[in-house]
Amino acid sequence: MKTKSFLELSDVKKIAQAAEAEALKNNWAVCIAIVDDGGHLLWLQRLDGAAPMSSHMAPAKAKTAALGKRESKIYEDMINAGRYSFLSVPFIEGLLEGGVPILKDGQLLGAVGVSGVKSIEDAQIAKAGIAALG
C-alpha cells in the first residue's frame, strides 16, 4: 500500500495568504479557491471589489485543474483550437486559465483556482499561492 500526502489546513492557509498577497500587491480584486485532490472545496475567499461571478468561476477552475491533474488553461487551449466536443465533458466547468494543480513529487494534492482579472493574471496569483508551500 502506498502512502498518500494531502493538504492540511495550515497548508491551505499558507497558499491562501500568499495568493492574497500577490493579488493585493497588484491591486487585483479576485476570488481565490482551493480544493483537495477530488475537487472538493477547502477554501473560498472573495477579495473586496471582486465580481460576484468570480465566486463561482474560481472554484470551477480549481476543480477542473484537480480532476484533470493539469492547468485549466490546457482545456481552454484545446477548445480554442477547435475541439468543441470537450465542452461536453462531465463535471468540468472551469475551462478557462486560472486553475493550477498542486503537485508534490508528481502526486496531486489539490488545486488553486483564481478568477477576477485577466486569465494569465489569475494563474499568476494561483502559482504564487502554490509557491508558498516550497
N, C-alpha and C. Protein backbone atom coordinates (compact mmCIF):
# COMPACT_ATOMS: atom_id res chain seq x y z
N MET A 1 0.84 -1.17 0.00
CA MET A 1 0.00 0.00 0.00
C MET A 1 0.89 1.24 0.00
N LYS A 2 0.49 2.24 -0.79
CA LYS A 2 1.26 3.47 -0.89
C LYS A 2 0.79 4.50 0.13
N THR A 3 1.69 5.38 0.48
CA THR A 3 1.36 6.48 1.36
C THR A 3 0.94 7.67 0.52
N LYS A 4 -0.09 8.37 0.96
CA LYS A 4 -0.63 9.49 0.20
C LYS A 4 -0.51 10.78 1.02
N SER A 5 0.06 11.80 0.39
CA SER A 5 0.12 13.11 1.02
C SER A 5 -1.20 13.83 0.78
N PHE A 6 -1.52 14.77 1.64
CA PHE A 6 -2.74 15.56 1.47
C PHE A 6 -2.52 16.94 2.07
N LEU A 7 -3.38 17.87 1.65
CA LEU A 7 -3.31 19.23 2.17
C LEU A 7 -3.90 19.29 3.57
N GLU A 8 -3.18 19.93 4.48
CA GLU A 8 -3.69 20.20 5.81
C GLU A 8 -4.17 21.65 5.85
N LEU A 9 -4.95 21.99 6.84
CA LEU A 9 -5.48 23.34 6.95
C LEU A 9 -4.35 24.38 6.96
N SER A 10 -3.25 24.06 7.62
CA SER A 10 -2.13 25.01 7.66
C SER A 10 -1.56 25.24 6.26
N ASP A 11 -1.54 24.21 5.42
CA ASP A 11 -1.09 24.35 4.04
C ASP A 11 -2.04 25.24 3.25
N VAL A 12 -3.32 25.00 3.43
CA VAL A 12 -4.36 25.76 2.73
C VAL A 12 -4.26 27.24 3.11
N LYS A 13 -4.08 27.52 4.38
CA LYS A 13 -3.96 28.91 4.83
C LYS A 13 -2.70 29.57 4.26
N LYS A 14 -1.62 28.82 4.18
CA LYS A 14 -0.37 29.35 3.63
C LYS A 14 -0.55 29.70 2.15
N ILE A 15 -1.20 28.82 1.40
CA ILE A 15 -1.47 29.07 -0.02
C ILE A 15 -2.35 30.30 -0.18
N ALA A 16 -3.42 30.34 0.60
CA ALA A 16 -4.38 31.45 0.50
C ALA A 16 -3.72 32.78 0.84
N GLN A 17 -2.90 32.79 1.87
CA GLN A 17 -2.23 34.03 2.28
C GLN A 17 -1.29 34.53 1.19
N ALA A 18 -0.52 33.63 0.58
CA ALA A 18 0.41 34.04 -0.47
C ALA A 18 -0.34 34.48 -1.73
N ALA A 19 -1.41 33.80 -2.06
CA ALA A 19 -2.20 34.20 -3.22
C ALA A 19 -2.84 35.57 -3.00
N GLU A 20 -3.37 35.77 -1.81
CA GLU A 20 -3.96 37.06 -1.48
C GLU A 20 -2.91 38.17 -1.57
N ALA A 21 -1.72 37.91 -1.05
CA ALA A 21 -0.64 38.91 -1.08
C ALA A 21 -0.29 39.28 -2.52
N GLU A 22 -0.24 38.28 -3.40
CA GLU A 22 0.06 38.54 -4.82
C GLU A 22 -1.03 39.40 -5.45
N ALA A 23 -2.27 39.08 -5.14
CA ALA A 23 -3.39 39.85 -5.69
C ALA A 23 -3.37 41.29 -5.17
N LEU A 24 -3.18 41.47 -3.89
CA LEU A 24 -3.18 42.80 -3.30
C LEU A 24 -1.99 43.64 -3.78
N LYS A 25 -0.85 42.98 -3.95
CA LYS A 25 0.34 43.68 -4.44
C LYS A 25 0.07 44.33 -5.80
N ASN A 26 -0.77 43.67 -6.60
CA ASN A 26 -1.09 44.15 -7.94
C ASN A 26 -2.43 44.89 -8.02
N ASN A 27 -3.06 45.09 -6.87
CA ASN A 27 -4.37 45.74 -6.82
C ASN A 27 -5.41 45.01 -7.66
N TRP A 28 -5.42 43.69 -7.56
CA TRP A 28 -6.36 42.87 -8.30
C TRP A 28 -7.44 42.35 -7.36
N ALA A 29 -8.69 42.62 -7.68
CA ALA A 29 -9.83 42.14 -6.89
C ALA A 29 -10.25 40.79 -7.46
N VAL A 30 -9.97 39.73 -6.74
CA VAL A 30 -10.22 38.37 -7.23
C VAL A 30 -10.87 37.50 -6.16
N CYS A 31 -11.28 36.35 -6.60
CA CYS A 31 -11.74 35.29 -5.72
C CYS A 31 -10.72 34.16 -5.81
N ILE A 32 -10.37 33.59 -4.67
CA ILE A 32 -9.38 32.52 -4.58
C ILE A 32 -10.06 31.28 -4.01
N ALA A 33 -9.93 30.16 -4.72
CA ALA A 33 -10.49 28.90 -4.26
C ALA A 33 -9.39 27.85 -4.20
N ILE A 34 -9.46 27.01 -3.18
CA ILE A 34 -8.52 25.90 -3.03
C ILE A 34 -9.34 24.65 -2.82
N VAL A 35 -9.01 23.60 -3.58
CA VAL A 35 -9.72 22.33 -3.48
C VAL A 35 -8.74 21.20 -3.18
N ASP A 36 -9.29 20.07 -2.72
CA ASP A 36 -8.46 18.89 -2.50
C ASP A 36 -8.31 18.12 -3.81
N ASP A 37 -7.71 16.95 -3.76
CA ASP A 37 -7.45 16.17 -4.98
C ASP A 37 -8.71 15.63 -5.64
N GLY A 38 -9.83 15.69 -4.96
CA GLY A 38 -11.10 15.27 -5.55
C GLY A 38 -11.93 16.44 -6.03
N GLY A 39 -11.39 17.64 -5.93
CA GLY A 39 -12.09 18.83 -6.37
C GLY A 39 -13.05 19.40 -5.34
N HIS A 40 -12.96 18.92 -4.09
CA HIS A 40 -13.84 19.39 -3.02
C HIS A 40 -13.29 20.67 -2.42
N LEU A 41 -14.14 21.66 -2.25
CA LEU A 41 -13.74 22.98 -1.79
C LEU A 41 -13.21 22.95 -0.35
N LEU A 42 -12.01 23.50 -0.18
CA LEU A 42 -11.38 23.64 1.13
C LEU A 42 -11.33 25.09 1.57
N TRP A 43 -11.30 26.01 0.59
CA TRP A 43 -11.14 27.43 0.91
C TRP A 43 -11.76 28.26 -0.20
N LEU A 44 -12.49 29.30 0.19
CA LEU A 44 -13.02 30.25 -0.77
C LEU A 44 -12.91 31.63 -0.16
N GLN A 45 -12.27 32.53 -0.90
CA GLN A 45 -12.02 33.88 -0.40
C GLN A 45 -12.30 34.86 -1.52
N ARG A 46 -13.19 35.79 -1.27
CA ARG A 46 -13.52 36.82 -2.25
C ARG A 46 -13.01 38.15 -1.73
N LEU A 47 -12.02 38.71 -2.43
CA LEU A 47 -11.44 39.98 -2.01
C LEU A 47 -12.41 41.12 -2.31
N ASP A 48 -12.27 42.20 -1.57
CA ASP A 48 -13.12 43.36 -1.77
C ASP A 48 -13.08 43.81 -3.22
N GLY A 49 -14.25 44.04 -3.79
CA GLY A 49 -14.34 44.52 -5.15
C GLY A 49 -14.40 43.45 -6.22
N ALA A 50 -14.21 42.19 -5.84
CA ALA A 50 -14.26 41.10 -6.83
C ALA A 50 -15.70 40.92 -7.30
N ALA A 51 -15.85 40.65 -8.57
CA ALA A 51 -17.18 40.46 -9.15
C ALA A 51 -17.85 39.23 -8.56
N PRO A 52 -19.15 39.27 -8.34
CA PRO A 52 -19.86 38.12 -7.79
C PRO A 52 -19.63 36.82 -8.61
N MET A 53 -19.54 36.95 -9.92
CA MET A 53 -19.33 35.76 -10.77
C MET A 53 -18.03 35.04 -10.44
N SER A 54 -17.03 35.79 -9.96
CA SER A 54 -15.74 35.18 -9.65
C SER A 54 -15.85 34.14 -8.53
N SER A 55 -16.85 34.28 -7.67
CA SER A 55 -17.02 33.30 -6.59
C SER A 55 -17.54 31.96 -7.11
N HIS A 56 -18.00 31.94 -8.34
CA HIS A 56 -18.39 30.68 -8.98
C HIS A 56 -17.28 30.16 -9.89
N MET A 57 -16.59 31.09 -10.55
CA MET A 57 -15.55 30.70 -11.50
C MET A 57 -14.30 30.14 -10.82
N ALA A 58 -13.87 30.75 -9.73
CA ALA A 58 -12.63 30.30 -9.06
C ALA A 58 -12.73 28.84 -8.61
N PRO A 59 -13.80 28.43 -7.92
CA PRO A 59 -13.90 27.01 -7.55
C PRO A 59 -14.01 26.09 -8.76
N ALA A 60 -14.67 26.55 -9.82
CA ALA A 60 -14.80 25.72 -11.02
C ALA A 60 -13.43 25.51 -11.67
N LYS A 61 -12.62 26.55 -11.73
CA LYS A 61 -11.28 26.43 -12.29
C LYS A 61 -10.42 25.49 -11.44
N ALA A 62 -10.52 25.63 -10.12
CA ALA A 62 -9.75 24.77 -9.22
C ALA A 62 -10.15 23.31 -9.38
N LYS A 63 -11.45 23.06 -9.44
CA LYS A 63 -11.94 21.69 -9.60
C LYS A 63 -11.48 21.09 -10.92
N THR A 64 -11.51 21.87 -11.98
CA THR A 64 -11.06 21.41 -13.28
C THR A 64 -9.58 21.03 -13.23
N ALA A 65 -8.76 21.87 -12.61
CA ALA A 65 -7.33 21.58 -12.51
C ALA A 65 -7.07 20.34 -11.67
N ALA A 66 -7.84 20.16 -10.60
CA ALA A 66 -7.64 19.00 -9.74
C ALA A 66 -8.06 17.71 -10.44
N LEU A 67 -9.26 17.70 -11.01
CA LEU A 67 -9.75 16.47 -11.64
C LEU A 67 -8.94 16.10 -12.88
N GLY A 68 -8.41 17.11 -13.57
CA GLY A 68 -7.61 16.84 -14.76
C GLY A 68 -6.14 16.69 -14.49
N LYS A 69 -5.72 17.05 -13.29
CA LYS A 69 -4.32 16.97 -12.87
C LYS A 69 -3.43 17.79 -13.81
N ARG A 70 -3.99 18.93 -14.27
CA ARG A 70 -3.25 19.83 -15.16
C ARG A 70 -3.91 21.20 -15.10
N GLU A 71 -3.20 22.19 -15.58
CA GLU A 71 -3.74 23.55 -15.57
C GLU A 71 -5.00 23.63 -16.42
N SER A 72 -5.96 24.41 -15.97
CA SER A 72 -7.21 24.56 -16.71
C SER A 72 -6.98 25.23 -18.06
N LYS A 73 -5.89 25.95 -18.22
CA LYS A 73 -5.56 26.59 -19.49
C LYS A 73 -5.45 25.57 -20.62
N ILE A 74 -5.01 24.38 -20.31
CA ILE A 74 -4.88 23.34 -21.34
C ILE A 74 -6.22 23.08 -22.00
N TYR A 75 -7.27 23.05 -21.21
CA TYR A 75 -8.60 22.80 -21.76
C TYR A 75 -9.09 24.00 -22.58
N GLU A 76 -8.82 25.20 -22.08
CA GLU A 76 -9.18 26.39 -22.84
C GLU A 76 -8.50 26.37 -24.20
N ASP A 77 -7.21 26.04 -24.22
CA ASP A 77 -6.46 25.99 -25.48
C ASP A 77 -7.03 24.94 -26.43
N MET A 78 -7.41 23.77 -25.89
CA MET A 78 -7.98 22.71 -26.72
C MET A 78 -9.28 23.18 -27.38
N ILE A 79 -10.11 23.82 -26.61
CA ILE A 79 -11.40 24.29 -27.14
C ILE A 79 -11.17 25.40 -28.17
N ASN A 80 -10.26 26.33 -27.85
CA ASN A 80 -9.96 27.41 -28.79
C ASN A 80 -9.34 26.89 -30.09
N ALA A 81 -8.71 25.73 -30.02
CA ALA A 81 -8.12 25.12 -31.22
C ALA A 81 -9.17 24.35 -32.03
N GLY A 82 -10.41 24.33 -31.56
CA GLY A 82 -11.48 23.72 -32.33
C GLY A 82 -12.04 22.43 -31.78
N ARG A 83 -11.56 21.97 -30.67
CA ARG A 83 -12.08 20.73 -30.08
C ARG A 83 -13.28 21.04 -29.19
N TYR A 84 -14.35 21.50 -29.83
CA TYR A 84 -15.54 21.96 -29.12
C TYR A 84 -16.26 20.83 -28.38
N SER A 85 -16.07 19.61 -28.81
CA SER A 85 -16.73 18.49 -28.13
C SER A 85 -16.28 18.37 -26.68
N PHE A 86 -15.13 18.96 -26.36
CA PHE A 86 -14.63 18.90 -24.99
C PHE A 86 -15.54 19.65 -24.03
N LEU A 87 -16.38 20.53 -24.56
CA LEU A 87 -17.33 21.26 -23.73
C LEU A 87 -18.36 20.33 -23.08
N SER A 88 -18.48 19.11 -23.58
CA SER A 88 -19.46 18.17 -23.04
C SER A 88 -18.90 17.25 -21.96
N VAL A 89 -17.64 17.42 -21.58
CA VAL A 89 -17.03 16.57 -20.56
C VAL A 89 -17.76 16.79 -19.23
N PRO A 90 -18.19 15.71 -18.57
CA PRO A 90 -18.93 15.87 -17.32
C PRO A 90 -18.05 16.35 -16.16
N PHE A 91 -18.66 17.08 -15.25
CA PHE A 91 -18.05 17.55 -14.00
C PHE A 91 -16.98 18.62 -14.18
N ILE A 92 -16.76 19.07 -15.39
CA ILE A 92 -15.73 20.09 -15.60
C ILE A 92 -16.41 21.33 -16.16
N GLU A 93 -16.30 22.43 -15.41
CA GLU A 93 -16.97 23.67 -15.81
C GLU A 93 -15.99 24.83 -15.99
N GLY A 94 -14.89 24.82 -15.30
CA GLY A 94 -13.94 25.93 -15.34
C GLY A 94 -12.90 25.74 -16.41
N LEU A 95 -13.31 25.92 -17.64
CA LEU A 95 -12.43 25.64 -18.78
C LEU A 95 -11.69 26.89 -19.24
N LEU A 96 -11.28 27.71 -18.30
CA LEU A 96 -10.52 28.93 -18.58
C LEU A 96 -9.24 28.92 -17.76
N GLU A 97 -8.24 29.62 -18.23
CA GLU A 97 -6.98 29.71 -17.50
C GLU A 97 -7.22 30.30 -16.11
N GLY A 98 -6.48 29.80 -15.14
CA GLY A 98 -6.59 30.30 -13.77
C GLY A 98 -6.71 29.20 -12.74
N GLY A 99 -6.81 27.94 -13.21
CA GLY A 99 -6.81 26.79 -12.32
C GLY A 99 -5.47 26.07 -12.43
N VAL A 100 -4.80 25.88 -11.28
CA VAL A 100 -3.46 25.29 -11.28
C VAL A 100 -3.40 24.16 -10.26
N PRO A 101 -2.95 22.97 -10.69
CA PRO A 101 -2.87 21.86 -9.74
C PRO A 101 -1.73 22.04 -8.74
N ILE A 102 -1.90 21.46 -7.57
CA ILE A 102 -0.86 21.44 -6.55
C ILE A 102 -0.27 20.03 -6.57
N LEU A 103 0.99 19.93 -6.98
CA LEU A 103 1.65 18.64 -7.10
C LEU A 103 2.83 18.55 -6.14
N LYS A 104 3.03 17.37 -5.59
CA LYS A 104 4.19 17.11 -4.74
C LYS A 104 4.75 15.76 -5.17
N ASP A 105 5.97 15.75 -5.66
CA ASP A 105 6.60 14.52 -6.14
C ASP A 105 5.72 13.81 -7.15
N GLY A 106 5.07 14.58 -8.01
CA GLY A 106 4.21 14.01 -9.05
C GLY A 106 2.84 13.59 -8.57
N GLN A 107 2.59 13.74 -7.28
CA GLN A 107 1.30 13.34 -6.70
C GLN A 107 0.40 14.57 -6.56
N LEU A 108 -0.85 14.44 -6.98
CA LEU A 108 -1.81 15.54 -6.89
C LEU A 108 -2.30 15.71 -5.45
N LEU A 109 -2.18 16.94 -4.94
CA LEU A 109 -2.68 17.24 -3.60
C LEU A 109 -3.98 18.04 -3.65
N GLY A 110 -4.18 18.76 -4.74
CA GLY A 110 -5.35 19.61 -4.89
C GLY A 110 -5.09 20.62 -5.98
N ALA A 111 -5.77 21.76 -5.91
CA ALA A 111 -5.58 22.80 -6.91
C ALA A 111 -6.05 24.14 -6.37
N VAL A 112 -5.56 25.19 -7.02
CA VAL A 112 -5.96 26.56 -6.71
C VAL A 112 -6.62 27.12 -7.96
N GLY A 113 -7.75 27.79 -7.76
CA GLY A 113 -8.42 28.47 -8.85
C GLY A 113 -8.61 29.93 -8.48
N VAL A 114 -8.36 30.80 -9.43
CA VAL A 114 -8.50 32.24 -9.20
C VAL A 114 -9.30 32.83 -10.35
N SER A 115 -10.16 33.78 -10.01
CA SER A 115 -10.95 34.46 -11.03
C SER A 115 -11.16 35.91 -10.62
N GLY A 116 -11.12 36.79 -11.61
CA GLY A 116 -11.41 38.19 -11.34
C GLY A 116 -10.64 39.17 -12.20
N VAL A 117 -9.50 38.75 -12.72
CA VAL A 117 -8.72 39.62 -13.60
C VAL A 117 -8.44 38.84 -14.89
N LYS A 118 -7.49 39.28 -15.70
CA LYS A 118 -7.15 38.55 -16.91
C LYS A 118 -6.72 37.14 -16.52
N SER A 119 -7.04 36.18 -17.37
CA SER A 119 -6.77 34.78 -17.04
C SER A 119 -5.30 34.52 -16.72
N ILE A 120 -4.40 35.13 -17.44
CA ILE A 120 -2.97 34.92 -17.18
C ILE A 120 -2.61 35.46 -15.79
N GLU A 121 -3.28 36.53 -15.36
CA GLU A 121 -3.06 37.10 -14.03
C GLU A 121 -3.69 36.21 -12.96
N ASP A 122 -4.84 35.62 -13.27
CA ASP A 122 -5.44 34.65 -12.35
C ASP A 122 -4.45 33.52 -12.07
N ALA A 123 -3.85 33.00 -13.14
CA ALA A 123 -2.88 31.90 -13.00
C ALA A 123 -1.65 32.35 -12.21
N GLN A 124 -1.22 33.59 -12.42
CA GLN A 124 -0.07 34.13 -11.68
C GLN A 124 -0.35 34.12 -10.18
N ILE A 125 -1.54 34.51 -9.81
CA ILE A 125 -1.93 34.52 -8.39
C ILE A 125 -1.95 33.10 -7.83
N ALA A 126 -2.55 32.18 -8.58
CA ALA A 126 -2.62 30.78 -8.14
C ALA A 126 -1.22 30.19 -7.94
N LYS A 127 -0.34 30.46 -8.88
CA LYS A 127 1.02 29.92 -8.80
C LYS A 127 1.80 30.54 -7.65
N ALA A 128 1.56 31.82 -7.36
CA ALA A 128 2.21 32.45 -6.21
C ALA A 128 1.76 31.79 -4.91
N GLY A 129 0.49 31.44 -4.84
CA GLY A 129 -0.01 30.74 -3.66
C GLY A 129 0.63 29.38 -3.48
N ILE A 130 0.70 28.63 -4.56
CA ILE A 130 1.29 27.29 -4.52
C ILE A 130 2.77 27.35 -4.17
N ALA A 131 3.46 28.36 -4.67
CA ALA A 131 4.90 28.50 -4.40
C ALA A 131 5.19 28.66 -2.91
N ALA A 132 4.22 29.14 -2.15
CA ALA A 132 4.41 29.32 -0.71
C ALA A 132 4.61 28.00 0.02
N LEU A 133 4.19 26.91 -0.59
CA LEU A 133 4.39 25.59 0.04
C LEU A 133 5.84 25.15 -0.01
N GLY A 134 6.62 25.75 -0.90
CA GLY A 134 8.04 25.41 -1.01
C GLY A 134 8.32 24.24 -1.88
